Amino acid sequence: RLEMRNFGVKVCVIEPGYFKTMITNVDNLEKNFSSIWQKLPEEIRTAYGESYLGQLVTMLKLLQKTYNSDLSLVTNCMEHALTSLHPRSRYSAGWDAKLLYLPVSYLPSALSDAL
């Protein structure tokens, strides 16, 4: 963003929370993760443990229930960034981005890592 300023280009960062899209679809993610898992060397799979993949998918299924389906929150940020006379540097779309990820980004690294 700062590097482009010297060329007269204004860059806005849009940081969405989690939304229901094909990218966050747990079935697709599970297939991709399983495929990658099978290609890993046995040594790496052993280091992570056989339960690692199952626990990851279980966590994703729990999180999926909180995903927002209203993508207009993201597109409204995009529209504002593109059409505003004075666009903001950063936009956060979704309650999780505003109430969880943004505040956590201001915490000291050790504390945010623990969370």
N, C-alpha and C. Protein backbone atom coordinates (compact mmCIF):
# COMPACT_ATOMS: atom_id res chain seq x y z
N ARG A 1 0.83 -1.18 0.00
CA ARG A 1 0.00 0.00 0.00
C ARG A 1 0.88 1.24 0.00
N LEU A 2 1.88 1.27 0.87
CA LEU A 2 2.76 2.44 0.95
C LEU A 2 3.67 2.55 -0.26
N GLU A 3 4.09 1.42 -0.80
CA GLU A 3 4.96 1.46 -1.98
C GLU A 3 4.23 2.03 -3.19
N MET A 4 2.95 1.75 -3.32
CA MET A 4 2.18 2.22 -4.48
C MET A 4 1.84 3.71 -4.38
N ARG A 5 1.87 4.26 -3.16
CA ARG A 5 1.54 5.67 -2.96
C ARG A 5 2.45 6.57 -3.78
N ASN A 6 3.73 6.20 -3.92
CA ASN A 6 4.68 7.01 -4.68
C ASN A 6 4.33 7.10 -6.16
N PHE A 7 3.50 6.17 -6.64
CA PHE A 7 3.08 6.17 -8.04
C PHE A 7 1.69 6.75 -8.22
N GLY A 8 1.13 7.34 -7.16
CA GLY A 8 -0.19 7.94 -7.23
C GLY A 8 -1.32 6.92 -7.17
N VAL A 9 -1.02 5.73 -6.71
CA VAL A 9 -2.04 4.68 -6.63
C VAL A 9 -2.48 4.54 -5.18
N LYS A 10 -3.78 4.69 -4.95
CA LYS A 10 -4.35 4.53 -3.61
C LYS A 10 -4.77 3.07 -3.46
N VAL A 11 -4.27 2.41 -2.42
CA VAL A 11 -4.58 1.00 -2.16
C VAL A 11 -5.38 0.92 -0.87
N CYS A 12 -6.49 0.21 -0.93
CA CYS A 12 -7.33 -0.03 0.23
C CYS A 12 -7.31 -1.53 0.53
N VAL A 13 -7.18 -1.87 1.79
CA VAL A 13 -7.15 -3.26 2.20
C VAL A 13 -8.53 -3.63 2.73
N ILE A 14 -9.10 -4.68 2.15
CA ILE A 14 -10.39 -5.18 2.62
C ILE A 14 -10.14 -6.48 3.34
N GLU A 15 -10.46 -6.51 4.65
CA GLU A 15 -10.20 -7.67 5.49
C GLU A 15 -11.52 -8.27 5.94
N PRO A 16 -12.05 -9.20 5.16
CA PRO A 16 -13.33 -9.80 5.53
C PRO A 16 -13.16 -10.85 6.62
N GLY A 17 -14.24 -11.06 7.36
CA GLY A 17 -14.28 -12.19 8.29
C GLY A 17 -14.58 -13.44 7.48
N TYR A 18 -15.18 -14.41 8.11
CA TYR A 18 -15.51 -15.66 7.42
C TYR A 18 -16.91 -15.58 6.84
N PHE A 19 -17.02 -15.89 5.57
CA PHE A 19 -18.29 -15.88 4.86
C PHE A 19 -18.50 -17.23 4.19
N LYS A 20 -19.75 -17.59 3.99
CA LYS A 20 -20.08 -18.85 3.34
C LYS A 20 -19.82 -18.70 1.84
N THR A 21 -18.73 -19.30 1.40
CA THR A 21 -18.37 -19.31 -0.02
C THR A 21 -17.81 -20.69 -0.34
N MET A 22 -17.49 -20.92 -1.58
CA MET A 22 -16.89 -22.21 -1.97
C MET A 22 -15.50 -22.36 -1.35
N ILE A 23 -14.84 -21.26 -1.06
CA ILE A 23 -13.51 -21.33 -0.45
C ILE A 23 -13.60 -21.86 0.98
N THR A 24 -14.66 -21.50 1.70
CA THR A 24 -14.81 -21.92 3.08
C THR A 24 -15.70 -23.15 3.25
N ASN A 25 -16.12 -23.76 2.16
CA ASN A 25 -16.97 -24.95 2.22
C ASN A 25 -16.19 -26.11 2.82
N VAL A 26 -16.67 -26.64 3.95
CA VAL A 26 -15.93 -27.66 4.69
C VAL A 26 -15.76 -28.95 3.87
N ASP A 27 -16.75 -29.32 3.08
CA ASP A 27 -16.60 -30.53 2.26
C ASP A 27 -15.45 -30.41 1.28
N ASN A 28 -15.35 -29.24 0.62
CA ASN A 28 -14.24 -29.01 -0.31
C ASN A 28 -12.91 -28.99 0.42
N LEU A 29 -12.89 -28.30 1.56
CA LEU A 29 -11.65 -28.22 2.33
C LEU A 29 -11.21 -29.61 2.81
N GLU A 30 -12.17 -30.40 3.25
CA GLU A 30 -11.84 -31.75 3.74
C GLU A 30 -11.24 -32.61 2.63
N LYS A 31 -11.81 -32.52 1.43
CA LYS A 31 -11.26 -33.28 0.28
C LYS A 31 -9.84 -32.83 -0.02
N ASN A 32 -9.63 -31.51 -0.05
CA ASN A 32 -8.30 -30.97 -0.35
C ASN A 32 -7.29 -31.35 0.72
N PHE A 33 -7.68 -31.21 1.98
CA PHE A 33 -6.78 -31.56 3.08
C PHE A 33 -6.44 -33.04 3.07
N SER A 34 -7.44 -33.88 2.81
CA SER A 34 -7.20 -35.33 2.76
C SER A 34 -6.24 -35.70 1.64
N SER A 35 -6.42 -35.05 0.50
CA SER A 35 -5.55 -35.30 -0.64
C SER A 35 -4.11 -34.92 -0.31
N ILE A 36 -3.94 -33.76 0.29
CA ILE A 36 -2.60 -33.30 0.67
C ILE A 36 -2.02 -34.22 1.74
N TRP A 37 -2.84 -34.60 2.70
CA TRP A 37 -2.40 -35.47 3.80
C TRP A 37 -1.84 -36.78 3.27
N GLN A 38 -2.52 -37.36 2.27
CA GLN A 38 -2.08 -38.64 1.70
C GLN A 38 -0.75 -38.51 0.96
N LYS A 39 -0.45 -37.33 0.46
CA LYS A 39 0.79 -37.11 -0.29
C LYS A 39 1.98 -36.80 0.62
N LEU A 40 1.70 -36.51 1.90
CA LEU A 40 2.79 -36.19 2.83
C LEU A 40 3.63 -37.42 3.13
N PRO A 41 4.91 -37.23 3.37
CA PRO A 41 5.74 -38.36 3.80
C PRO A 41 5.24 -38.90 5.15
N GLU A 42 5.44 -40.18 5.35
CA GLU A 42 4.98 -40.84 6.58
C GLU A 42 5.54 -40.15 7.82
N GLU A 43 6.78 -39.69 7.73
CA GLU A 43 7.43 -39.02 8.86
C GLU A 43 6.65 -37.79 9.32
N ILE A 44 6.16 -37.01 8.38
CA ILE A 44 5.41 -35.80 8.72
C ILE A 44 4.05 -36.17 9.29
N ARG A 45 3.38 -37.15 8.68
CA ARG A 45 2.08 -37.58 9.20
C ARG A 45 2.21 -38.10 10.63
N THR A 46 3.28 -38.81 10.89
CA THR A 46 3.53 -39.33 12.24
C THR A 46 3.78 -38.19 13.23
N ALA A 47 4.54 -37.18 12.78
CA ALA A 47 4.83 -36.05 13.65
C ALA A 47 3.56 -35.31 14.07
N TYR A 48 2.62 -35.15 13.14
CA TYR A 48 1.37 -34.47 13.45
C TYR A 48 0.38 -35.39 14.17
N GLY A 49 0.47 -36.67 13.89
CA GLY A 49 -0.45 -37.63 14.49
C GLY A 49 -1.65 -37.85 13.60
N GLU A 50 -2.17 -39.06 13.63
CA GLU A 50 -3.30 -39.42 12.77
C GLU A 50 -4.58 -38.65 13.10
N SER A 51 -4.71 -38.17 14.34
CA SER A 51 -5.94 -37.47 14.72
C SER A 51 -5.94 -36.00 14.28
N TYR A 52 -4.80 -35.51 13.82
CA TYR A 52 -4.67 -34.09 13.46
C TYR A 52 -5.71 -33.68 12.42
N LEU A 53 -5.80 -34.42 11.34
CA LEU A 53 -6.70 -34.07 10.25
C LEU A 53 -8.15 -34.11 10.71
N GLY A 54 -8.51 -35.12 11.47
CA GLY A 54 -9.88 -35.23 11.98
C GLY A 54 -10.25 -34.08 12.89
N GLN A 55 -9.32 -33.69 13.76
CA GLN A 55 -9.57 -32.57 14.67
C GLN A 55 -9.73 -31.25 13.90
N LEU A 56 -8.93 -31.10 12.86
CA LEU A 56 -9.00 -29.90 12.03
C LEU A 56 -10.37 -29.80 11.36
N VAL A 57 -10.84 -30.89 10.78
CA VAL A 57 -12.13 -30.90 10.10
C VAL A 57 -13.27 -30.67 11.10
N THR A 58 -13.16 -31.27 12.27
CA THR A 58 -14.18 -31.06 13.31
C THR A 58 -14.26 -29.59 13.70
N MET A 59 -13.12 -28.95 13.87
CA MET A 59 -13.08 -27.53 14.21
C MET A 59 -13.70 -26.69 13.09
N LEU A 60 -13.38 -27.03 11.84
CA LEU A 60 -13.94 -26.28 10.71
C LEU A 60 -15.46 -26.42 10.65
N LYS A 61 -15.97 -27.60 10.97
CA LYS A 61 -17.43 -27.80 10.96
C LYS A 61 -18.10 -26.97 12.04
N LEU A 62 -17.45 -26.83 13.18
CA LEU A 62 -18.01 -25.98 14.24
C LEU A 62 -17.98 -24.51 13.82
N LEU A 63 -16.87 -24.09 13.26
CA LEU A 63 -16.73 -22.70 12.83
C LEU A 63 -17.69 -22.35 11.70
N GLN A 64 -17.96 -23.30 10.83
CA GLN A 64 -18.81 -23.06 9.66
C GLN A 64 -20.19 -22.56 10.08
N LYS A 65 -20.64 -22.95 11.25
CA LYS A 65 -21.96 -22.52 11.73
C LYS A 65 -22.01 -21.01 11.99
N THR A 66 -20.85 -20.40 12.19
CA THR A 66 -20.81 -18.96 12.47
C THR A 66 -20.53 -18.12 11.23
N TYR A 67 -20.26 -18.75 10.10
CA TYR A 67 -19.95 -18.01 8.88
C TYR A 67 -21.14 -17.17 8.45
N ASN A 68 -20.86 -15.99 7.95
CA ASN A 68 -21.89 -15.08 7.49
C ASN A 68 -22.23 -15.39 6.03
N SER A 69 -23.50 -15.34 5.69
CA SER A 69 -23.89 -15.62 4.31
C SER A 69 -24.19 -14.35 3.52
N ASP A 70 -24.15 -13.19 4.17
CA ASP A 70 -24.45 -11.92 3.52
C ASP A 70 -23.19 -11.31 2.91
N LEU A 71 -22.89 -11.70 1.67
CA LEU A 71 -21.69 -11.21 1.00
C LEU A 71 -21.76 -9.73 0.64
N SER A 72 -22.95 -9.14 0.77
CA SER A 72 -23.06 -7.71 0.47
C SER A 72 -22.23 -6.87 1.44
N LEU A 73 -21.92 -7.41 2.61
CA LEU A 73 -21.05 -6.69 3.54
C LEU A 73 -19.66 -6.46 2.93
N VAL A 74 -19.19 -7.46 2.20
CA VAL A 74 -17.89 -7.34 1.54
C VAL A 74 -17.99 -6.45 0.30
N THR A 75 -19.00 -6.69 -0.50
CA THR A 75 -19.13 -5.90 -1.73
C THR A 75 -19.42 -4.44 -1.43
N ASN A 76 -20.10 -4.15 -0.32
CA ASN A 76 -20.32 -2.75 0.08
C ASN A 76 -19.00 -2.07 0.43
N CYS A 77 -18.11 -2.81 1.10
CA CYS A 77 -16.78 -2.26 1.38
C CYS A 77 -16.02 -1.99 0.08
N MET A 78 -16.12 -2.92 -0.84
CA MET A 78 -15.44 -2.75 -2.13
C MET A 78 -15.99 -1.53 -2.86
N GLU A 79 -17.31 -1.41 -2.87
CA GLU A 79 -17.94 -0.27 -3.54
C GLU A 79 -17.49 1.04 -2.92
N HIS A 80 -17.48 1.11 -1.61
CA HIS A 80 -17.06 2.33 -0.94
C HIS A 80 -15.61 2.67 -1.26
N ALA A 81 -14.75 1.65 -1.23
CA ALA A 81 -13.32 1.87 -1.52
C ALA A 81 -13.12 2.38 -2.94
N LEU A 82 -13.93 1.90 -3.87
CA LEU A 82 -13.77 2.29 -5.28
C LEU A 82 -14.42 3.63 -5.62
N THR A 83 -15.48 4.00 -4.93
CA THR A 83 -16.23 5.19 -5.34
C THR A 83 -16.10 6.38 -4.40
N SER A 84 -15.55 6.19 -3.23
CA SER A 84 -15.44 7.27 -2.26
C SER A 84 -14.36 8.26 -2.67
N LEU A 85 -14.62 9.52 -2.38
CA LEU A 85 -13.64 10.55 -2.65
C LEU A 85 -12.42 10.38 -1.74
N HIS A 86 -12.67 9.97 -0.51
CA HIS A 86 -11.61 9.72 0.46
C HIS A 86 -11.80 8.33 1.08
N PRO A 87 -11.39 7.30 0.35
CA PRO A 87 -11.57 5.93 0.88
C PRO A 87 -10.65 5.69 2.08
N ARG A 88 -11.07 4.77 2.94
CA ARG A 88 -10.26 4.41 4.10
C ARG A 88 -9.11 3.52 3.65
N SER A 89 -8.11 3.40 4.49
CA SER A 89 -6.98 2.52 4.21
C SER A 89 -7.37 1.06 4.38
N ARG A 90 -8.23 0.81 5.39
CA ARG A 90 -8.63 -0.55 5.72
C ARG A 90 -10.13 -0.63 5.92
N TYR A 91 -10.68 -1.74 5.46
CA TYR A 91 -12.10 -2.03 5.66
C TYR A 91 -12.20 -3.42 6.29
N SER A 92 -13.07 -3.55 7.27
CA SER A 92 -13.33 -4.85 7.89
C SER A 92 -14.79 -5.20 7.63
N ALA A 93 -15.02 -6.33 7.01
CA ALA A 93 -16.37 -6.76 6.67
C ALA A 93 -16.75 -7.97 7.50
N GLY A 94 -17.89 -7.87 8.17
CA GLY A 94 -18.38 -8.98 8.99
C GLY A 94 -18.14 -8.74 10.46
N TRP A 95 -19.03 -9.27 11.28
CA TRP A 95 -18.94 -9.05 12.72
C TRP A 95 -17.66 -9.64 13.30
N ASP A 96 -17.23 -10.80 12.78
CA ASP A 96 -16.04 -11.44 13.34
C ASP A 96 -14.79 -10.63 13.04
N ALA A 97 -14.73 -10.00 11.89
CA ALA A 97 -13.58 -9.16 11.55
C ALA A 97 -13.53 -7.93 12.44
N LYS A 98 -14.69 -7.33 12.69
CA LYS A 98 -14.75 -6.11 13.49
C LYS A 98 -14.57 -6.37 14.99
N LEU A 99 -15.19 -7.42 15.47
CA LEU A 99 -15.21 -7.65 16.92
C LEU A 99 -14.15 -8.62 17.42
N LEU A 100 -13.54 -9.39 16.54
CA LEU A 100 -12.57 -10.36 16.98
C LEU A 100 -11.19 -10.12 16.36
N TYR A 101 -11.10 -10.21 15.04
CA TYR A 101 -9.80 -10.16 14.38
C TYR A 101 -9.14 -8.79 14.44
N LEU A 102 -9.90 -7.74 14.27
CA LEU A 102 -9.32 -6.39 14.32
C LEU A 102 -8.77 -6.07 15.72
N PRO A 103 -9.56 -6.26 16.80
CA PRO A 103 -9.00 -6.00 18.13
C PRO A 103 -7.79 -6.89 18.46
N VAL A 104 -7.83 -8.15 18.05
CA VAL A 104 -6.72 -9.06 18.33
C VAL A 104 -5.45 -8.59 17.63
N SER A 105 -5.59 -7.95 16.47
CA SER A 105 -4.41 -7.49 15.73
C SER A 105 -3.66 -6.39 16.47
N TYR A 106 -4.32 -5.72 17.43
CA TYR A 106 -3.66 -4.66 18.20
C TYR A 106 -3.00 -5.19 19.47
N LEU A 107 -3.25 -6.43 19.83
CA LEU A 107 -2.66 -7.02 21.03
C LEU A 107 -1.19 -7.34 20.81
N PRO A 108 -0.43 -7.45 21.89
CA PRO A 108 0.95 -7.92 21.75
C PRO A 108 0.97 -9.33 21.15
N SER A 109 1.98 -9.62 20.37
CA SER A 109 2.05 -10.91 19.66
C SER A 109 1.89 -12.12 20.59
N ALA A 110 2.52 -12.06 21.76
CA ALA A 110 2.44 -13.21 22.68
C ALA A 110 1.00 -13.47 23.10
N LEU A 111 0.24 -12.41 23.32
CA LEU A 111 -1.15 -12.56 23.74
C LEU A 111 -2.03 -13.02 22.58
N SER A 112 -1.84 -12.44 21.40
CA SER A 112 -2.65 -12.87 20.24
C SER A 112 -2.31 -14.29 19.85
N ASP A 113 -1.06 -14.70 20.00
CA ASP A 113 -0.68 -16.10 19.71
C ASP A 113 -1.39 -17.05 20.66
N ALA A 114 -1.51 -16.66 21.92
CA ALA A 114 -2.18 -17.51 22.90
C ALA A 114 -3.66 -17.67 22.58
N LEU A 115 -4.27 -16.59 22.07
CA LEU A 115 -5.67 -16.66 21.70
C LEU A 115 -5.86 -17.53 20.47
